[in-house]
Amino acid sequence: QVQLVESGGGLVQAGGSLRLSCAASGRASGLYGMGWFRQAPGKEREFVAHIAWSSGSRGYADSVNGRFTISRDNSKNTVNLQMNSLKPEDTAVYYCGGRISGDYRRVENYPYWGQGTQVTVSS
C-alpha cells in the first residue's frame, strides 16, 4: 500500500501563488509517477500535472501549462505543485495520486489518492 498526504492549500487572490506538496509513504518505490488532479463542485476530477519518479518527465493540462510547475524530491518521496498566476477557475479540491502504469491523464490509472486539499482563488 501507498499513503499520500497533501498539504499547502488555502485562499488566495487572483494572480497570486500557492505551493502544494504531496508526501508519499509505504511502498512508494513501486510507483511509476505522481500526478495532481483537481475537482470542482459538480464536476469530474480532472488531470492537472504529472511527473515520472525516475526520469522526471513532466506533463501538464493545457489549462495550467505555463502557470503551474510540478517537481519532485526523490530523497523525500515528495512531489510539489507550484501554482502561479492563479485564476478563479482554478478553485477546486486538489488531489495527489500515485500511478503504476497507463496514460497519466486518466483518473483510473491512479490506484492511490490523498485526501485532497482545498484551493480557493478569489476574484
PDB file of N, CA and C in Angstrom:
ATOM      1  N   GLN A   1       0.831  -1.197   0.000  1.00  0.00           N
ATOM      2  CA  GLN A   1       0.000   0.000   0.000  1.00  0.00           C
ATOM      3  C   GLN A   1       0.867   1.249   0.000  1.00  0.00           C
ATOM      4  N   VAL A   2       0.274   2.318  -0.529  1.00  0.00           N
ATOM      5  CA  VAL A   2       0.931   3.618  -0.579  1.00  0.00           C
ATOM      6  C   VAL A   2       0.019   4.635   0.092  1.00  0.00           C
ATOM      7  N   GLN A   3       0.593   5.453   0.937  1.00  0.00           N
ATOM      8  CA  GLN A   3      -0.170   6.517   1.579  1.00  0.00           C
ATOM      9  C   GLN A   3       0.313   7.864   1.037  1.00  0.00           C
ATOM     10  N   LEU A   4      -0.640   8.722   0.740  1.00  0.00           N
ATOM     11  CA  LEU A   4      -0.334  10.047   0.191  1.00  0.00           C
ATOM     12  C   LEU A   4      -1.009  11.107   1.052  1.00  0.00           C
ATOM     13  N   VAL A   5      -0.261  12.149   1.378  1.00  0.00           N
ATOM     14  CA  VAL A   5      -0.797  13.229   2.200  1.00  0.00           C
ATOM     15  C   VAL A   5      -0.465  14.561   1.541  1.00  0.00           C
ATOM     16  N   GLU A   6      -1.510  15.315   1.196  1.00  0.00           N
ATOM     17  CA  GLU A   6      -1.324  16.626   0.582  1.00  0.00           C
ATOM     18  C   GLU A   6      -1.304  17.718   1.647  1.00  0.00           C
ATOM     19  N   SER A   7      -0.660  18.821   1.295  1.00  0.00           N
ATOM     20  CA  SER A   7      -0.666  20.000   2.156  1.00  0.00           C
ATOM     21  C   SER A   7      -0.444  21.229   1.295  1.00  0.00           C
ATOM     22  N   GLY A   8      -0.769  22.398   1.850  1.00  0.00           N
ATOM     23  CA  GLY A   8      -0.438  23.647   1.182  1.00  0.00           C
ATOM     24  C   GLY A   8      -1.586  24.385   0.536  1.00  0.00           C
ATOM     25  N   GLY A   9      -2.798  23.869   0.616  1.00  0.00           N
ATOM     26  CA  GLY A   9      -3.918  24.590   0.031  1.00  0.00           C
ATOM     27  C   GLY A   9      -4.272  25.825   0.841  1.00  0.00           C
ATOM     28  N   GLY A  10      -5.223  26.593   0.313  1.00  0.00           N
ATOM     29  CA  GLY A  10      -5.642  27.790   1.036  1.00  0.00           C
ATOM     30  C   GLY A  10      -6.414  28.732   0.148  1.00  0.00           C
ATOM     31  N   LEU A  11      -6.568  29.956   0.648  1.00  0.00           N
ATOM     32  CA  LEU A  11      -7.290  31.009  -0.057  1.00  0.00           C
ATOM     33  C   LEU A  11      -6.291  32.030  -0.576  1.00  0.00           C
ATOM     34  N   VAL A  12      -6.426  32.401  -1.839  1.00  0.00           N
ATOM     35  CA  VAL A  12      -5.520  33.365  -2.442  1.00  0.00           C
ATOM     36  C   VAL A  12      -6.295  34.218  -3.443  1.00  0.00           C
ATOM     37  N   GLN A  13      -5.840  35.438  -3.647  1.00  0.00           N
ATOM     38  CA  GLN A  13      -6.472  36.298  -4.630  1.00  0.00           C
ATOM     39  C   GLN A  13      -5.995  35.939  -6.046  1.00  0.00           C
ATOM     40  N   ALA A  14      -6.826  36.269  -7.010  1.00  0.00           N
ATOM     41  CA  ALA A  14      -6.458  36.036  -8.401  1.00  0.00           C
ATOM     42  C   ALA A  14      -5.116  36.704  -8.711  1.00  0.00           C
ATOM     43  N   GLY A  15      -4.279  35.972  -9.436  1.00  0.00           N
ATOM     44  CA  GLY A  15      -2.937  36.457  -9.742  1.00  0.00           C
ATOM     45  C   GLY A  15      -1.885  36.012  -8.751  1.00  0.00           C
ATOM     46  N   GLY A  16      -2.326  35.467  -7.630  1.00  0.00           N
ATOM     47  CA  GLY A  16      -1.413  35.024  -6.591  1.00  0.00           C
ATOM     48  C   GLY A  16      -0.870  33.630  -6.839  1.00  0.00           C
ATOM     49  N   SER A  17      -0.122  33.142  -5.844  1.00  0.00           N
ATOM     50  CA  SER A  17       0.547  31.847  -5.961  1.00  0.00           C
ATOM     51  C   SER A  17       0.290  30.989  -4.736  1.00  0.00           C
ATOM     52  N   LEU A  18       0.347  29.693  -4.954  1.00  0.00           N
ATOM     53  CA  LEU A  18       0.302  28.707  -3.883  1.00  0.00           C
ATOM     54  C   LEU A  18       1.210  27.551  -4.261  1.00  0.00           C
ATOM     55  N   ARG A  19       1.704  26.866  -3.224  1.00  0.00           N
ATOM     56  CA  ARG A  19       2.534  25.691  -3.456  1.00  0.00           C
ATOM     57  C   ARG A  19       1.933  24.521  -2.697  1.00  0.00           C
ATOM     58  N   LEU A  20       1.604  23.475  -3.435  1.00  0.00           N
ATOM     59  CA  LEU A  20       1.070  22.262  -2.835  1.00  0.00           C
ATOM     60  C   LEU A  20       2.176  21.219  -2.736  1.00  0.00           C
ATOM     61  N   SER A  21       2.092  20.398  -1.698  1.00  0.00           N
ATOM     62  CA  SER A  21       3.040  19.299  -1.533  1.00  0.00           C
ATOM     63  C   SER A  21       2.295  18.003  -1.295  1.00  0.00           C
ATOM     64  N   CYS A  22       2.912  16.910  -1.718  1.00  0.00           N
ATOM     65  CA  CYS A  22       2.340  15.585  -1.519  1.00  0.00           C
ATOM     66  C   CYS A  22       3.457  14.668  -1.040  1.00  0.00           C
ATOM     67  N   ALA A  23       3.277  14.136   0.151  1.00  0.00           N
ATOM     68  CA  ALA A  23       4.268  13.219   0.723  1.00  0.00           C
ATOM     69  C   ALA A  23       3.778  11.789   0.575  1.00  0.00           C
ATOM     70  N   ALA A  24       4.623  10.948  -0.002  1.00  0.00           N
ATOM     71  CA  ALA A  24       4.283   9.540  -0.217  1.00  0.00           C
ATOM     72  C   ALA A  24       5.025   8.665   0.782  1.00  0.00           C
ATOM     73  N   SER A  25       4.328   7.680   1.321  1.00  0.00           N
ATOM     74  CA  SER A  25       4.949   6.721   2.236  1.00  0.00           C
ATOM     75  C   SER A  25       4.439   5.319   1.915  1.00  0.00           C
ATOM     76  N   GLY A  26       4.997   4.340   2.597  1.00  0.00           N
ATOM     77  CA  GLY A  26       4.625   2.963   2.292  1.00  0.00           C
ATOM     78  C   GLY A  26       5.439   2.462   1.122  1.00  0.00           C
ATOM     79  N   ARG A  27       4.829   1.727   0.207  1.00  0.00           N
ATOM     80  CA  ARG A  27       5.516   1.137  -0.934  1.00  0.00           C
ATOM     81  C   ARG A  27       5.588   2.107  -2.119  1.00  0.00           C
ATOM     82  N   ALA A  28       6.003   3.348  -1.807  1.00  0.00           N
ATOM     83  CA  ALA A  28       6.041   4.381  -2.841  1.00  0.00           C
ATOM     84  C   ALA A  28       7.062   4.079  -3.938  1.00  0.00           C
ATOM     85  N   SER A  29       8.051   3.255  -3.644  1.00  0.00           N
ATOM     86  CA  SER A  29       9.069   2.934  -4.645  1.00  0.00           C
ATOM     87  C   SER A  29       8.489   2.156  -5.810  1.00  0.00           C
ATOM     88  N   GLY A  30       7.312   1.595  -5.624  1.00  0.00           N
ATOM     89  CA  GLY A  30       6.662   0.849  -6.696  1.00  0.00           C
ATOM     90  C   GLY A  30       5.890   1.723  -7.670  1.00  0.00           C
ATOM     91  N   LEU A  31       5.800   2.996  -7.388  1.00  0.00           N
ATOM     92  CA  LEU A  31       5.061   3.904  -8.264  1.00  0.00           C
ATOM     93  C   LEU A  31       5.883   4.320  -9.465  1.00  0.00           C
ATOM     94  N   TYR A  32       5.227   4.454 -10.600  1.00  0.00           N
ATOM     95  CA  TYR A  32       5.914   4.953 -11.801  1.00  0.00           C
ATOM     96  C   TYR A  32       5.963   6.474 -11.784  1.00  0.00           C
ATOM     97  N   GLY A  33       4.885   7.082 -11.316  1.00  0.00           N
ATOM     98  CA  GLY A  33       4.850   8.536 -11.285  1.00  0.00           C
ATOM     99  C   GLY A  33       3.785   9.047 -10.341  1.00  0.00           C
ATOM    100  N   MET A  34       3.756  10.346 -10.207  1.00  0.00           N
ATOM    101  CA  MET A  34       2.783  11.018  -9.341  1.00  0.00           C
ATOM    102  C   MET A  34       2.070  12.088 -10.143  1.00  0.00           C
ATOM    103  N   GLY A  35       0.781  12.230  -9.868  1.00  0.00           N
ATOM    104  CA  GLY A  35       0.012  13.233 -10.578  1.00  0.00           C
ATOM    105  C   GLY A  35      -0.811  14.090  -9.647  1.00  0.00           C
ATOM    106  N   TRP A  36      -1.157  15.252 -10.138  1.00  0.00           N
ATOM    107  CA  TRP A  36      -2.093  16.137  -9.446  1.00  0.00           C
ATOM    108  C   TRP A  36      -3.356  16.240 -10.286  1.00  0.00           C
ATOM    109  N   PHE A  37      -4.465  16.091  -9.632  1.00  0.00           N
ATOM    110  CA  PHE A  37      -5.774  16.259 -10.230  1.00  0.00           C
ATOM    111  C   PHE A  37      -6.548  17.274  -9.400  1.00  0.00           C
ATOM    112  N   ARG A  38      -7.637  17.763  -9.950  1.00  0.00           N
ATOM    113  CA  ARG A  38      -8.498  18.666  -9.188  1.00  0.00           C
ATOM    114  C   ARG A  38      -9.957  18.393  -9.509  1.00  0.00           C
ATOM    115  N   GLN A  39     -10.785  18.735  -8.542  1.00  0.00           N
ATOM    116  CA  GLN A  39     -12.215  18.514  -8.706  1.00  0.00           C
ATOM    117  C   GLN A  39     -12.971  19.690  -8.126  1.00  0.00           C
ATOM    118  N   ALA A  40     -13.694  20.384  -8.999  1.00  0.00           N
ATOM    119  CA  ALA A  40     -14.538  21.489  -8.584  1.00  0.00           C
ATOM    120  C   ALA A  40     -15.938  20.954  -8.288  1.00  0.00           C
ATOM    121  N   PRO A  41     -16.728  21.676  -7.497  1.00  0.00           N
ATOM    122  CA  PRO A  41     -18.076  21.208  -7.160  1.00  0.00           C
ATOM    123  C   PRO A  41     -18.900  20.927  -8.409  1.00  0.00           C
ATOM    124  N   GLY A  42     -19.517  19.751  -8.448  1.00  0.00           N
ATOM    125  CA  GLY A  42     -20.375  19.394  -9.560  1.00  0.00           C
ATOM    126  C   GLY A  42     -19.654  18.963 -10.815  1.00  0.00           C
ATOM    127  N   LYS A  43     -18.328  18.872 -10.744  1.00  0.00           N
ATOM    128  CA  LYS A  43     -17.559  18.490 -11.924  1.00  0.00           C
ATOM    129  C   LYS A  43     -16.760  17.219 -11.656  1.00  0.00           C
ATOM    130  N   GLU A  44     -16.296  16.597 -12.737  1.00  0.00           N
ATOM    131  CA  GLU A  44     -15.474  15.408 -12.603  1.00  0.00           C
ATOM    132  C   GLU A  44     -14.044  15.790 -12.235  1.00  0.00           C
ATOM    133  N   ARG A  45     -13.358  14.820 -11.652  1.00  0.00           N
ATOM    134  CA  ARG A  45     -11.943  15.035 -11.334  1.00  0.00           C
ATOM    135  C   ARG A  45     -11.162  15.132 -12.648  1.00  0.00           C
ATOM    136  N   GLU A  46     -10.316  16.171 -12.745  1.00  0.00           N
ATOM    137  CA  GLU A  46      -9.588  16.388 -13.982  1.00  0.00           C
ATOM    138  C   GLU A  46      -8.083  16.437 -13.756  1.00  0.00           C
ATOM    139  N   PHE A  47      -7.349  16.020 -14.759  1.00  0.00           N
ATOM    140  CA  PHE A  47      -5.901  15.992 -14.713  1.00  0.00           C
ATOM    141  C   PHE A  47      -5.332  17.412 -14.682  1.00  0.00           C
ATOM    142  N   VAL A  48      -4.258  17.583 -13.902  1.00  0.00           N
ATOM    143  CA  VAL A  48      -3.572  18.872 -13.825  1.00  0.00           C
ATOM    144  C   VAL A  48      -2.113  18.723 -14.275  1.00  0.00           C
ATOM    145  N   ALA A  49      -1.378  17.825 -13.611  1.00  0.00           N
ATOM    146  CA  ALA A  49       0.045  17.673 -13.921  1.00  0.00           C
ATOM    147  C   ALA A  49       0.530  16.305 -13.476  1.00  0.00           C
ATOM    148  N   HIS A  50       1.625  15.847 -14.111  1.00  0.00           N
ATOM    149  CA  HIS A  50       2.210  14.549 -13.768  1.00  0.00           C
ATOM    150  C   HIS A  50       3.720  14.626 -13.872  1.00  0.00           C
ATOM    151  N   ILE A  51       4.391  13.849 -13.028  1.00  0.00           N
ATOM    152  CA  ILE A  51       5.839  13.728 -13.128  1.00  0.00           C
ATOM    153  C   ILE A  51       6.230  12.277 -12.884  1.00  0.00           C
ATOM    154  N   ALA A  52       7.147  11.781 -13.719  1.00  0.00           N
ATOM    155  CA  ALA A  52       7.645  10.423 -13.554  1.00  0.00           C
ATOM    156  C   ALA A  52       8.743  10.422 -12.486  1.00  0.00           C
ATOM    157  N   TRP A  53       8.702   9.439 -11.583  1.00  0.00           N
ATOM    158  CA  TRP A  53       9.673   9.403 -10.493  1.00  0.00           C
ATOM    159  C   TRP A  53      11.103   9.275 -11.025  1.00  0.00           C
ATOM    160  N   SER A  54      11.295   8.383 -11.982  1.00  0.00           N
ATOM    161  CA  SER A  54      12.655   8.071 -12.407  1.00  0.00           C
ATOM    162  C   SER A  54      13.235   9.114 -13.350  1.00  0.00           C
ATOM    163  N   SER A  55      12.515   9.403 -14.429  1.00  0.00           N
ATOM    164  CA  SER A  55      13.058  10.299 -15.452  1.00  0.00           C
ATOM    165  C   SER A  55      12.817  11.762 -15.173  1.00  0.00           C
ATOM    166  N   GLY A  56      11.795  12.053 -14.362  1.00  0.00           N
ATOM    167  CA  GLY A  56      11.424  13.446 -14.129  1.00  0.00           C
ATOM    168  C   GLY A  56      10.621  14.046 -15.262  1.00  0.00           C
ATOM    169  N   SER A  57      10.229  13.214 -16.214  1.00  0.00           N
ATOM    170  CA  SER A  57       9.422  13.705 -17.329  1.00  0.00           C
ATOM    171  C   SER A  57       8.107  14.278 -16.819  1.00  0.00           C
ATOM    172  N   ARG A  58       7.708  15.434 -17.368  1.00  0.00           N
ATOM    173  CA  ARG A  58       6.528  16.151 -16.888  1.00  0.00           C
ATOM    174  C   ARG A  58       5.463  16.263 -17.962  1.00  0.00           C
ATOM    175  N   GLY A  59       4.217  16.350 -17.516  1.00  0.00           N
ATOM    176  CA  GLY A  59       3.095  16.601 -18.410  1.00  0.00           C
ATOM    177  C   GLY A  59       2.095  17.497 -17.718  1.00  0.00           C
ATOM    178  N   TYR A  60       1.464  18.375 -18.495  1.00  0.00           N
ATOM    179  CA  TYR A  60       0.522  19.343 -17.929  1.00  0.00           C
ATOM    180  C   TYR A  60      -0.763  19.403 -18.744  1.00  0.00           C
ATOM    181  N   ALA A  61      -1.827  19.742 -18.059  1.00  0.00           N
ATOM    182  CA  ALA A  61      -3.061  20.062 -18.753  1.00  0.00           C
ATOM    183  C   ALA A  61      -2.875  21.409 -19.449  1.00  0.00           C
ATOM    184  N   ASP A  62      -3.544  21.578 -20.584  1.00  0.00           N
ATOM    185  CA  ASP A  62      -3.422  22.832 -21.328  1.00  0.00           C
ATOM    186  C   ASP A  62      -3.825  24.030 -20.474  1.00  0.00           C
ATOM    187  N   SER A  63      -4.798  23.841 -19.609  1.00  0.00           N
ATOM    188  CA  SER A  63      -5.337  24.948 -18.814  1.00  0.00           C
ATOM    189  C   SER A  63      -4.339  25.490 -17.795  1.00  0.00           C
ATOM    190  N   VAL A  64      -3.310  24.721 -17.453  1.00  0.00           N
ATOM    191  CA  VAL A  64      -2.354  25.176 -16.439  1.00  0.00           C
ATOM    192  C   VAL A  64      -0.936  25.297 -16.993  1.00  0.00           C
ATOM    193  N   ASN A  65      -0.708  24.844 -18.207  1.00  0.00           N
ATOM    194  CA  ASN A  65       0.627  24.874 -18.798  1.00  0.00           C
ATOM    195  C   ASN A  65       1.156  26.306 -18.847  1.00  0.00           C
ATOM    196  N   GLY A  66       2.352  26.481 -18.321  1.00  0.00           N
ATOM    197  CA  GLY A  66       2.948  27.813 -18.279  1.00  0.00           C
ATOM    198  C   GLY A  66       2.681  28.552 -16.983  1.00  0.00           C
ATOM    199  N   ARG A  67       1.731  28.072 -16.204  1.00  0.00           N
ATOM    200  CA  ARG A  67       1.428  28.704 -14.904  1.00  0.00           C
ATOM    201  C   ARG A  67       1.800  27.810 -13.732  1.00  0.00           C
ATOM    202  N   PHE A  68       1.633  26.514 -13.908  1.00  0.00           N
ATOM    203  CA  PHE A  68       1.920  25.543 -12.853  1.00  0.00           C
ATOM    204  C   PHE A  68       3.201  24.783 -13.178  1.00  0.00           C
ATOM    205  N   THR A  69       3.924  24.416 -12.121  1.00  0.00           N
ATOM    206  CA  THR A  69       5.136  23.626 -12.292  1.00  0.00           C
ATOM    207  C   THR A  69       5.139  22.491 -11.279  1.00  0.00           C
ATOM    208  N   ILE A  70       5.313  21.268 -11.781  1.00  0.00           N
ATOM    209  CA  ILE A  70       5.390  20.109 -10.901  1.00  0.00           C
ATOM    210  C   ILE A  70       6.853  19.728 -10.737  1.00  0.00           C
ATOM    211  N   SER A  71       7.221  19.333  -9.513  1.00  0.00           N
ATOM    212  CA  SER A  71       8.598  18.931  -9.238  1.00  0.00           C
ATOM    213  C   SER A  71       8.585  17.799  -8.225  1.00  0.00           C
ATOM    214  N   ARG A  72       9.733  17.150  -8.090  1.00  0.00           N
ATOM    215  CA  ARG A  72       9.817  16.015  -7.163  1.00  0.00           C
ATOM    216  C   ARG A  72      11.107  16.074  -6.372  1.00  0.00           C
ATOM    217  N   ASP A  73      11.057  15.476  -5.203  1.00  0.00           N
ATOM    218  CA  ASP A  73      12.238  15.274  -4.374  1.00  0.00           C
ATOM    219  C   ASP A  73      12.267  13.792  -4.048  1.00  0.00           C
ATOM    220  N   ASN A  74      13.049  13.042  -4.825  1.00  0.00           N
ATOM    221  CA  ASN A  74      13.049  11.585  -4.663  1.00  0.00           C
ATOM    222  C   ASN A  74      13.545  11.160  -3.285  1.00  0.00           C
ATOM    223  N   SER A  75      14.457  11.920  -2.719  1.00  0.00           N
ATOM    224  CA  SER A  75      15.004  11.540  -1.417  1.00  0.00           C
ATOM    225  C   SER A  75      13.967  11.631  -0.319  1.00  0.00           C
ATOM    226  N   LYS A  76      12.967  12.493  -0.527  1.00  0.00           N
ATOM    227  CA  LYS A  76      11.916  12.679   0.481  1.00  0.00           C
ATOM    228  C   LYS A  76      10.585  12.085   0.035  1.00  0.00           C
ATOM    229  N   ASN A  77      10.560  11.452  -1.146  1.00  0.00           N
ATOM    230  CA  ASN A  77       9.305  10.920  -1.696  1.00  0.00           C
ATOM    231  C   ASN A  77       8.213  11.983  -1.689  1.00  0.00           C
ATOM    232  N   THR A  78       8.575  13.167  -2.149  1.00  0.00           N
ATOM    233  CA  THR A  78       7.645  14.292  -2.140  1.00  0.00           C
ATOM    234  C   THR A  78       7.506  14.878  -3.538  1.00  0.00           C
ATOM    235  N   VAL A  79       6.282  15.235  -3.880  1.00  0.00           N
ATOM    236  CA  VAL A  79       6.001  15.917  -5.139  1.00  0.00           C
ATOM    237  C   VAL A  79       5.343  17.252  -4.824  1.00  0.00           C
ATOM    238  N   ASN A  80       5.776  18.287  -5.505  1.00  0.00           N
ATOM    239  CA  ASN A  80       5.248  19.628  -5.273  1.00  0.00           C
ATOM    240  C   ASN A  80       4.571  20.162  -6.525  1.00  0.00           C
ATOM    241  N   LEU A  81       3.622  21.051  -6.306  1.00  0.00           N
ATOM    242  CA  LEU A  81       2.962  21.740  -7.408  1.00  0.00           C
ATOM    243  C   LEU A  81       2.990  23.232  -7.112  1.00  0.00           C
ATOM    244  N   GLN A  82       3.813  23.951  -7.835  1.00  0.00           N
ATOM    245  CA  GLN A  82       3.884  25.406  -7.709  1.00  0.00           C
ATOM    246  C   GLN A  82       2.865  26.012  -8.660  1.00  0.00           C
ATOM    247  N   MET A  83       1.935  26.754  -8.098  1.00  0.00           N
ATOM    248  CA  MET A  83       0.848  27.330  -8.885  1.00  0.00           C
ATOM    249  C   MET A  83       0.973  28.842  -8.880  1.00  0.00           C
ATOM    250  N   ASN A  84       1.217  29.415 -10.032  1.00  0.00           N
ATOM    251  CA  ASN A  84       1.350  30.861 -10.190  1.00  0.00           C
ATOM    252  C   ASN A  84       0.229  31.411 -11.056  1.00  0.00           C
ATOM    253  N   SER A  85       0.056  32.712 -11.000  1.00  0.00           N
ATOM    254  CA  SER A  85      -0.974  33.385 -11.812  1.00  0.00           C
ATOM    255  C   SER A  85      -2.318  32.686 -11.675  1.00  0.00           C
ATOM    256  N   LEU A  86      -2.696  32.441 -10.456  1.00  0.00           N
ATOM    257  CA  LEU A  86      -3.926  31.689 -10.204  1.00  0.00           C
ATOM    258  C   LEU A  86      -5.159  32.461 -10.644  1.00  0.00           C
ATOM    259  N   LYS A  87      -6.142  31.715 -11.118  1.00  0.00           N
ATOM    260  CA  LYS A  87      -7.396  32.280 -11.604  1.00  0.00           C
ATOM    261  C   LYS A  87      -8.551  31.703 -10.786  1.00  0.00           C
ATOM    262  N   PRO A  88      -9.671  32.408 -10.734  1.00  0.00           N
ATOM    263  CA  PRO A  88     -10.827  31.866 -10.004  1.00  0.00           C
ATOM    264  C   PRO A  88     -11.228  30.477 -10.494  1.00  0.00           C
ATOM    265  N   GLU A  89     -11.042  30.201 -11.765  1.00  0.00           N
ATOM    266  CA  GLU A  89     -11.416  28.885 -12.288  1.00  0.00           C
ATOM    267  C   GLU A  89     -10.472  27.771 -11.846  1.00  0.00           C
ATOM    268  N   ASP A  90      -9.397  28.115 -11.164  1.00  0.00           N
ATOM    269  CA  ASP A  90      -8.522  27.108 -10.576  1.00  0.00           C
ATOM    270  C   ASP A  90      -9.054  26.606  -9.227  1.00  0.00           C
ATOM    271  N   THR A  91     -10.109  27.241  -8.737  1.00  0.00           N
ATOM    272  CA  THR A  91     -10.689  26.834  -7.462  1.00  0.00           C
ATOM    273  C   THR A  91     -11.195  25.401  -7.525  1.00  0.00           C
ATOM    274  N   ALA A  92     -10.728  24.577  -6.605  1.00  0.00           N
ATOM    275  CA  ALA A  92     -11.096  23.151  -6.585  1.00  0.00           C
ATOM    276  C   ALA A  92     -10.419  22.488  -5.392  1.00  0.00           C
ATOM    277  N   VAL A  93     -10.804  21.254  -5.161  1.00  0.00           N
ATOM    278  CA  VAL A  93     -10.038  20.394  -4.259  1.00  0.00           C
ATOM    279  C   VAL A  93      -8.971  19.711  -5.109  1.00  0.00           C
ATOM    280  N   TYR A  94      -7.733  19.837  -4.674  1.00  0.00           N
ATOM    281  CA  TYR A  94      -6.615  19.260  -5.415  1.00  0.00           C
ATOM    282  C   TYR A  94      -6.194  17.953  -4.748  1.00  0.00           C
ATOM    283  N   TYR A  95      -6.044  16.927  -5.586  1.00  0.00           N
ATOM    284  CA  TYR A  95      -5.689  15.599  -5.115  1.00  0.00           C
ATOM    285  C   TYR A  95      -4.358  15.165  -5.714  1.00  0.00           C
ATOM    286  N   CYS A  96      -3.583  14.515  -4.885  1.00  0.00           N
ATOM    287  CA  CYS A  96      -2.353  13.890  -5.327  1.00  0.00           C
ATOM    288  C   CYS A  96      -2.639  12.411  -5.563  1.00  0.00           C
ATOM    289  N   GLY A  97      -2.128  11.875  -6.668  1.00  0.00           N
ATOM    290  CA  GLY A  97      -2.358  10.471  -6.989  1.00  0.00           C
ATOM    291  C   GLY A  97      -1.073   9.749  -7.325  1.00  0.00           C
ATOM    292  N   GLY A  98      -1.014   8.458  -7.012  1.00  0.00           N
ATOM    293  CA  GLY A  98       0.126   7.618  -7.351  1.00  0.00           C
ATOM    294  C   GLY A  98      -0.233   6.678  -8.490  1.00  0.00           C
ATOM    295  N   ARG A  99       0.611   6.687  -9.525  1.00  0.00           N
ATOM    296  CA  ARG A  99       0.336   5.913 -10.742  1.00  0.00           C
ATOM    297  C   ARG A  99       1.334   4.772 -10.901  1.00  0.00           C
ATOM    298  N   ILE A 100       0.812   3.643 -11.350  1.00  0.00           N
ATOM    299  CA  ILE A 100       1.672   2.487 -11.601  1.00  0.00           C
ATOM    300  C   ILE A 100       1.931   2.301 -13.088  1.00  0.00           C
ATOM    301  N   SER A 101       0.909   2.505 -13.911  1.00  0.00           N
ATOM    302  CA  SER A 101       1.059   2.331 -15.352  1.00  0.00           C
ATOM    303  C   SER A 101      -0.069   3.055 -16.066  1.00  0.00           C
ATOM    304  N   GLY A 102      -0.042   3.046 -17.381  1.00  0.00           N
ATOM    305  CA  GLY A 102      -1.111   3.610 -18.177  1.00  0.00           C
ATOM    306  C   GLY A 102      -0.984   5.096 -18.420  1.00  0.00           C
ATOM    307  N   ASP A 103      -1.924   5.626 -19.155  1.00  0.00           N
ATOM    308  CA  ASP A 103      -1.960   7.045 -19.519  1.00  0.00           C
ATOM    309  C   ASP A 103      -2.052   7.905 -18.267  1.00  0.00           C
ATOM    310  N   TYR A 104      -1.112   8.811 -18.081  1.00  0.00           N
ATOM    311  CA  TYR A 104      -1.078   9.606 -16.846  1.00  0.00           C
ATOM    312  C   TYR A 104      -2.202  10.613 -16.759  1.00  0.00           C
ATOM    313  N   ARG A 105      -2.923  10.831 -17.835  1.00  0.00           N
ATOM    314  CA  ARG A 105      -4.024  11.795 -17.807  1.00  0.00           C
ATOM    315  C   ARG A 105      -5.326  11.179 -17.308  1.00  0.00           C
ATOM    316  N   ARG A 106      -5.355   9.869 -17.167  1.00  0.00           N
ATOM    317  CA  ARG A 106      -6.604   9.199 -16.835  1.00  0.00           C
ATOM    318  C   ARG A 106      -6.682   8.851 -15.356  1.00  0.00           C
ATOM    319  N   VAL A 107      -7.789   9.243 -14.739  1.00  0.00           N
ATOM    320  CA  VAL A 107      -8.009   9.026 -13.307  1.00  0.00           C
ATOM    321  C   VAL A 107      -7.904   7.541 -12.948  1.00  0.00           C
ATOM    322  N   GLU A 108      -8.416   6.690 -13.806  1.00  0.00           N
ATOM    323  CA  GLU A 108      -8.493   5.255 -13.482  1.00  0.00           C
ATOM    324  C   GLU A 108      -7.125   4.594 -13.402  1.00  0.00           C
ATOM    325  N   ASN A 109      -6.063   5.291 -13.824  1.00  0.00           N
ATOM    326  CA  ASN A 109      -4.719   4.720 -13.743  1.00  0.00           C
ATOM    327  C   ASN A 109      -3.995   5.092 -12.458  1.00  0.00           C
ATOM    328  N   TYR A 110      -4.738   5.674 -11.525  1.00  0.00           N
ATOM    329  CA  TYR A 110      -4.169   6.060 -10.234  1.00  0.00           C
ATOM    330  C   TYR A 110      -4.872   5.268  -9.127  1.00  0.00           C
ATOM    331  N   PRO A 111      -4.271   4.192  -8.641  1.00  0.00           N
ATOM    332  CA  PRO A 111      -4.901   3.406  -7.580  1.00  0.00           C
ATOM    333  C   PRO A 111      -4.757   4.022  -6.190  1.00  0.00           C
ATOM    334  N   TYR A 112      -3.874   5.014  -6.058  1.00  0.00           N
ATOM    335  CA  TYR A 112      -3.642   5.616  -4.748  1.00  0.00           C
ATOM    336  C   TYR A 112      -3.933   7.115  -4.797  1.00  0.00           C
ATOM    337  N   TRP A 113      -4.624   7.586  -3.759  1.00  0.00           N
ATOM    338  CA  TRP A 113      -5.011   9.001  -3.691  1.00  0.00           C
ATOM    339  C   TRP A 113      -4.823   9.540  -2.283  1.00  0.00           C
ATOM    340  N   GLY A 114      -4.514  10.838  -2.225  1.00  0.00           N
ATOM    341  CA  GLY A 114      -4.523  11.522  -0.946  1.00  0.00           C
ATOM    342  C   GLY A 114      -5.933  11.987  -0.618  1.00  0.00           C
ATOM    343  N   GLN A 115      -6.055  12.687   0.509  1.00  0.00           N
ATOM    344  CA  GLN A 115      -7.361  13.122   0.984  1.00  0.00           C
ATOM    345  C   GLN A 115      -7.825  14.415   0.315  1.00  0.00           C
ATOM    346  N   GLY A 116      -6.928  15.097  -0.344  1.00  0.00           N
ATOM    347  CA  GLY A 116      -7.268  16.337  -1.038  1.00  0.00           C
ATOM    348  C   GLY A 116      -7.010  17.568  -0.184  1.00  0.00           C
ATOM    349  N   THR A 117      -6.748  18.669  -0.865  1.00  0.00           N
ATOM    350  CA  THR A 117      -6.551  19.955  -0.191  1.00  0.00           C
ATOM    351  C   THR A 117      -7.274  21.035  -0.992  1.00  0.00           C
ATOM    352  N   GLN A 118      -7.997  21.901  -0.280  1.00  0.00           N
ATOM    353  CA  GLN A 118      -8.819  22.913  -0.937  1.00  0.00           C
ATOM    354  C   GLN A 118      -7.966  24.101  -1.382  1.00  0.00           C
ATOM    355  N   VAL A 119      -8.181  24.501  -2.627  1.00  0.00           N
ATOM    356  CA  VAL A 119      -7.583  25.726  -3.166  1.00  0.00           C
ATOM    357  C   VAL A 119      -8.730  26.628  -3.610  1.00  0.00           C
ATOM    358  N   THR A 120      -8.761  27.833  -3.062  1.00  0.00           N
ATOM    359  CA  THR A 120      -9.798  28.793  -3.410  1.00  0.00           C
ATOM    360  C   THR A 120      -9.145  30.069  -3.901  1.00  0.00           C
ATOM    361  N   VAL A 121      -9.525  30.490  -5.103  1.00  0.00           N
ATOM    362  CA  VAL A 121      -8.971  31.703  -5.698  1.00  0.00           C
ATOM    363  C   VAL A 121     -10.097  32.721  -5.825  1.00  0.00           C
ATOM    364  N   SER A 122      -9.952  33.829  -5.146  1.00  0.00           N
ATOM    365  CA  SER A 122     -10.977  34.863  -5.170  1.00  0.00           C
ATOM    366  C   SER A 122     -10.678  35.876  -6.268  1.00  0.00           C
ATOM    367  N   SER A 123     -11.743  36.437  -6.819  1.00  0.00           N
ATOM    368  CA  SER A 123     -11.581  37.408  -7.919  1.00  0.00           C
ATOM    369  C   SER A 123     -11.456  38.821  -7.394  1.00  0.00           C
TER     370      SER A 123
END
